[in-house]
Amino acid sequence: MSKSRFLTAQWKNLIMLNYEVDPGILKPYLPAGTEIDLWEGKALVSMVGFLFKETKVLGVKWPFHVNFEEVNLRFYVRHFDGQEWKRGAVFVSEIVPKPVITVIANTLYKEHYRSLPMRHSITKDGASHTQFLYEWKLNGRWNSLGATVRNSLVKIEHGSPEEFIFEHYWGYNRLTDTKTMQYQVEHISWQVAEVKDYVFDADIAELYGEAWVPYLSVKPVSAFWANGSDISVRIGDKLVVED
């Protein structure tokens, strides 16, 4: 039986810059009962920027917490539940501008949110492209994640790298060496558009630690954009993995 919906919202204008990393850097974050989900033998992480819109928690729109930005760093795992493999994402860090969201997510879902000033812009770039930019202020400096995207939507193809990046419908968080938080994310398959150019300018060491600098300061292996849709996040439960 599906759990009740904890959160509903729209996720819109998702930018994904994808980087190959040494799997060893992910081990401290790897939840019990999961394994790294590889793409063509490579361990990937994504820098993600998008908009939360029409956000409701337990069916309620909280004042000043309905529309806001998020930027996160995530990687990909899978969990075998005894019958099927569930493909999911693990979040290394998530940034939002709303402290209440940070408290709720970190307390109930054991996420890794932090609150920083944020802003975004959407700018037409001629007739055929649009620029999407997400920014967050850290130690007095604006960091940025953005992309210039062709104004032409296509479906995600089965077996494509876009499908691997976008179509993970579970979230997993490490609780202890033997316990994991698991929650289900629901949305339709999104449409994508070609990314012409991108920007990622951030204090990587301050955000994620020195170990991440060599991996996130090089050219990404791919850059994707999706239009997004209505989403829902189910109430989570705990997996207990026996030694």
Protein backbone atom coordinates (compact mmCIF):
# COMPACT_ATOMS: atom_id res chain seq x y z
CA MET A 1 0.00 0.00 0.00
CA SER A 2 1.31 3.44 -0.91
CA LYS A 3 2.08 5.87 1.89
CA SER A 4 0.11 9.10 2.16
CA ARG A 5 1.40 12.15 0.33
CA PHE A 6 3.59 14.31 2.54
CA LEU A 7 4.39 17.00 -0.03
CA THR A 8 2.90 18.05 -3.35
CA ALA A 9 4.29 20.72 -5.65
CA GLN A 10 5.41 21.51 -9.14
CA TRP A 11 9.06 21.05 -10.05
CA LYS A 12 9.82 23.30 -13.02
CA ASN A 13 12.76 24.18 -15.28
CA LEU A 14 15.23 21.57 -14.04
CA ILE A 15 18.89 22.02 -14.95
CA MET A 16 21.19 19.00 -14.53
CA LEU A 17 24.96 19.27 -14.94
CA ASN A 18 26.38 15.76 -14.64
CA TYR A 19 29.90 14.86 -13.55
CA GLU A 20 31.83 11.59 -13.32
CA VAL A 21 33.35 10.90 -9.90
CA ASP A 22 35.42 8.25 -8.18
CA PRO A 23 32.85 5.97 -6.49
CA GLY A 24 34.94 6.17 -3.33
CA ILE A 25 33.87 9.77 -2.73
CA LEU A 26 30.24 8.59 -2.49
CA LYS A 27 30.78 5.80 0.05
CA PRO A 28 30.34 8.01 3.17
CA TYR A 29 26.90 9.03 1.87
CA LEU A 30 25.77 5.59 0.64
CA PRO A 31 22.65 4.42 2.50
CA ALA A 32 22.49 0.90 3.91
CA GLY A 33 20.79 -1.53 1.55
CA THR A 34 21.67 0.44 -1.58
CA GLU A 35 24.41 0.30 -4.17
CA ILE A 36 25.69 2.94 -6.55
CA ASP A 37 23.68 2.95 -9.78
CA LEU A 38 26.22 3.24 -12.60
CA TRP A 39 25.69 4.67 -16.08
CA GLU A 40 27.81 2.73 -18.58
CA GLY A 41 30.16 1.81 -15.74
CA LYS A 42 30.51 5.39 -14.51
CA ALA A 43 29.47 6.86 -11.16
CA LEU A 44 27.73 10.16 -11.84
CA VAL A 45 26.67 13.08 -9.68
CA SER A 46 24.42 15.95 -10.73
CA MET A 47 24.36 19.62 -9.87
CA VAL A 48 20.66 20.39 -10.03
CA GLY A 49 18.74 23.68 -10.09
CA PHE A 50 14.96 24.02 -10.30
CA LEU A 51 11.86 25.81 -9.04
CA PHE A 52 9.39 24.65 -6.44
CA LYS A 53 5.95 26.05 -7.23
CA GLU A 54 2.51 25.64 -5.61
CA THR A 55 4.09 23.75 -2.71
CA LYS A 56 1.84 22.11 -0.13
CA VAL A 57 2.90 20.20 2.98
CA LEU A 58 0.22 17.76 4.12
CA GLY A 59 -2.19 19.61 1.85
CA VAL A 60 -1.46 23.06 3.30
CA LYS A 61 0.19 26.00 1.54
CA TRP A 62 2.43 27.63 4.13
CA PRO A 63 2.66 31.43 3.73
CA PHE A 64 5.90 32.55 2.00
CA HIS A 65 6.87 28.89 1.42
CA VAL A 66 4.90 28.15 -1.76
CA ASN A 67 7.28 29.21 -4.56
CA PHE A 68 11.06 29.06 -4.17
CA GLU A 69 14.33 27.85 -5.71
CA GLU A 70 16.38 24.76 -4.90
CA VAL A 71 19.93 23.77 -5.87
CA ASN A 72 21.25 20.37 -4.90
CA LEU A 73 24.08 17.90 -5.42
CA ARG A 74 22.90 14.31 -5.80
CA PHE A 75 24.03 10.86 -6.92
CA TYR A 76 22.27 7.69 -8.00
CA VAL A 77 21.64 4.40 -6.24
CA ARG A 78 19.44 1.35 -6.49
CA HIS A 79 17.84 -0.89 -3.85
CA PHE A 80 16.53 -4.44 -4.27
CA ASP A 81 13.40 -4.89 -2.15
CA GLY A 82 13.21 -8.67 -2.63
CA GLN A 83 11.08 -8.39 -5.76
CA GLU A 84 12.42 -5.54 -7.89
CA TRP A 85 15.17 -2.98 -8.17
CA LYS A 86 14.15 0.53 -7.11
CA ARG A 87 16.23 3.31 -8.65
CA GLY A 88 16.72 6.34 -6.45
CA ALA A 89 18.71 9.44 -5.64
CA VAL A 90 20.80 10.37 -2.60
CA PHE A 91 21.34 14.03 -1.78
CA VAL A 92 24.75 15.20 -0.65
CA SER A 93 23.51 18.76 -0.10
CA GLU A 94 20.40 20.80 -0.83
CA ILE A 95 20.06 24.59 -0.76
CA VAL A 96 16.77 26.47 -0.40
CA PRO A 97 16.00 30.03 0.70
CA LYS A 98 13.37 29.00 3.28
CA PRO A 99 14.52 27.99 6.80
CA VAL A 100 11.25 26.21 7.60
CA ILE A 101 11.74 23.87 4.62
CA THR A 102 15.24 23.10 5.90
CA VAL A 103 14.01 22.25 9.40
CA ILE A 104 11.17 20.02 8.16
CA ALA A 105 13.24 18.13 5.58
CA ASN A 106 16.24 17.61 7.84
CA THR A 107 14.09 16.52 10.79
CA LEU A 108 11.58 14.24 9.09
CA TYR A 109 13.55 12.92 6.11
CA LYS A 110 17.12 13.26 7.43
CA GLU A 111 17.99 15.34 4.38
CA HIS A 112 20.98 17.70 4.17
CA TYR A 113 19.35 21.07 3.55
CA ARG A 114 20.81 24.47 4.30
CA SER A 115 19.18 27.87 3.94
CA LEU A 116 20.86 30.62 1.91
CA PRO A 117 19.58 33.72 0.08
CA MET A 118 18.55 32.67 -3.42
CA ARG A 119 17.21 34.15 -6.64
CA HIS A 120 16.55 33.05 -10.20
CA SER A 121 15.95 34.52 -13.65
CA ILE A 122 14.44 33.32 -16.93
CA THR A 123 15.52 35.36 -19.95
CA LYS A 124 14.69 34.97 -23.63
CA ASP A 125 17.84 34.60 -25.74
CA GLY A 126 16.58 35.50 -29.18
CA ALA A 127 13.67 33.62 -30.71
CA SER A 128 15.03 30.12 -30.31
CA HIS A 129 16.62 29.90 -26.85
CA THR A 130 15.93 30.74 -23.19
CA GLN A 131 18.41 31.29 -20.35
CA PHE A 132 17.66 29.82 -16.92
CA LEU A 133 19.79 30.92 -13.96
CA TYR A 134 19.74 29.90 -10.29
CA GLU A 135 21.86 31.81 -7.78
CA TRP A 136 22.61 31.51 -4.07
CA LYS A 137 24.61 33.83 -1.80
CA LEU A 138 27.43 32.23 0.19
CA ASN A 139 29.87 34.24 2.29
CA GLY A 140 28.83 37.45 0.58
CA ARG A 141 29.24 36.15 -3.00
CA TRP A 142 26.57 35.04 -5.45
CA ASN A 143 27.18 31.51 -6.77
CA SER A 144 25.39 30.42 -9.94
CA LEU A 145 24.08 27.43 -11.89
CA GLY A 146 22.46 28.02 -15.27
CA ALA A 147 21.85 26.90 -18.82
CA THR A 148 20.87 28.27 -22.22
CA VAL A 149 18.22 25.96 -23.64
CA ARG A 150 16.66 25.50 -27.06
CA ASN A 151 12.92 26.28 -27.12
CA SER A 152 11.95 22.86 -28.46
CA LEU A 153 10.67 20.01 -26.27
CA VAL A 154 11.07 16.29 -26.97
CA LYS A 155 10.19 13.15 -25.04
CA ILE A 156 12.84 11.33 -23.04
CA GLU A 157 13.95 8.30 -25.02
CA HIS A 158 14.04 4.88 -23.39
CA GLY A 159 17.59 3.84 -22.59
CA SER A 160 18.96 7.36 -23.03
CA PRO A 161 21.32 9.15 -20.62
CA GLU A 162 18.50 11.61 -19.97
CA GLU A 163 16.28 8.75 -18.78
CA PHE A 164 19.01 7.58 -16.42
CA ILE A 165 19.43 11.04 -14.90
CA PHE A 166 15.81 12.13 -14.65
CA GLU A 167 13.85 8.96 -13.99
CA HIS A 168 14.67 8.02 -10.40
CA TYR A 169 11.47 7.68 -8.41
CA TRP A 170 12.83 6.96 -4.93
CA GLY A 171 14.84 8.92 -2.40
CA TYR A 172 17.27 7.29 0.04
CA ASN A 173 19.04 8.84 3.01
CA ARG A 174 21.64 7.25 5.26
CA LEU A 175 20.54 7.11 8.91
CA THR A 176 23.07 4.69 10.41
CA ASP A 177 25.26 1.84 9.16
CA THR A 178 22.17 -0.41 9.16
CA LYS A 179 19.20 1.98 8.76
CA THR A 180 18.03 3.96 5.73
CA MET A 181 15.20 6.42 5.14
CA GLN A 182 13.23 5.56 1.98
CA TYR A 183 10.54 7.65 0.30
CA GLN A 184 8.73 7.55 -3.02
CA VAL A 185 8.59 10.43 -5.52
CA GLU A 186 5.87 10.45 -8.17
CA HIS A 187 5.66 12.41 -11.41
CA ILE A 188 5.02 11.88 -15.10
CA SER A 189 7.89 11.41 -17.52
CA TRP A 190 9.19 14.86 -18.37
CA GLN A 191 10.11 16.45 -21.68
CA VAL A 192 13.64 17.67 -22.31
CA ALA A 193 15.31 20.29 -24.48
CA GLU A 194 18.81 20.69 -25.86
CA VAL A 195 21.27 22.62 -23.69
CA LYS A 196 23.35 24.97 -25.83
CA ASP A 197 25.53 26.36 -23.03
CA TYR A 198 25.79 26.21 -19.25
CA VAL A 199 27.35 27.96 -16.26
CA PHE A 200 28.42 26.66 -12.87
CA ASP A 201 30.35 29.13 -10.73
CA ALA A 202 30.47 28.17 -7.06
CA ASP A 203 32.69 27.84 -4.00
CA ILE A 204 32.84 24.06 -4.24
CA ALA A 205 35.16 23.56 -1.27
CA GLU A 206 32.99 25.65 1.05
CA LEU A 207 29.79 23.98 -0.13
CA TYR A 208 30.83 20.34 -0.29
CA GLY A 209 34.41 19.99 0.94
CA GLU A 210 37.85 19.96 -0.69
CA ALA A 211 37.44 16.37 -1.88
CA TRP A 212 34.77 17.47 -4.35
CA VAL A 213 36.81 20.21 -6.02
CA PRO A 214 38.61 18.04 -8.64
CA TYR A 215 35.32 16.51 -9.79
CA LEU A 216 33.06 19.56 -9.93
CA SER A 217 35.57 22.08 -11.31
CA VAL A 218 35.95 20.34 -14.69
CA LYS A 219 33.65 20.22 -17.71
CA PRO A 220 30.54 18.09 -17.01
CA VAL A 221 30.07 14.90 -19.02
CA SER A 222 26.57 16.09 -19.95
CA ALA A 223 24.14 18.96 -19.40
CA PHE A 224 20.37 18.42 -19.46
CA TRP A 225 17.20 20.48 -18.98
CA ALA A 226 13.64 19.26 -18.34
CA ASN A 227 10.37 21.11 -18.17
CA GLY A 228 9.13 19.39 -15.00
CA SER A 229 5.58 18.70 -13.78
CA ASP A 230 3.39 18.20 -10.76
CA ILE A 231 5.10 15.94 -8.22
CA SER A 232 4.27 14.27 -4.94
CA VAL A 233 6.51 12.91 -2.20
CA ARG A 234 5.11 10.09 -0.10
CA ILE A 235 5.65 9.82 3.65
CA GLY A 236 8.91 7.97 4.20
CA ASP A 237 9.69 4.76 6.05
CA LYS A 238 12.82 3.10 7.37
CA LEU A 239 14.74 0.19 5.92
CA VAL A 240 16.63 -1.92 8.42
CA VAL A 241 19.47 -3.91 6.88
CA GLU A 242 20.75 -6.90 8.86
CA ASP A 243 24.47 -7.42 9.13
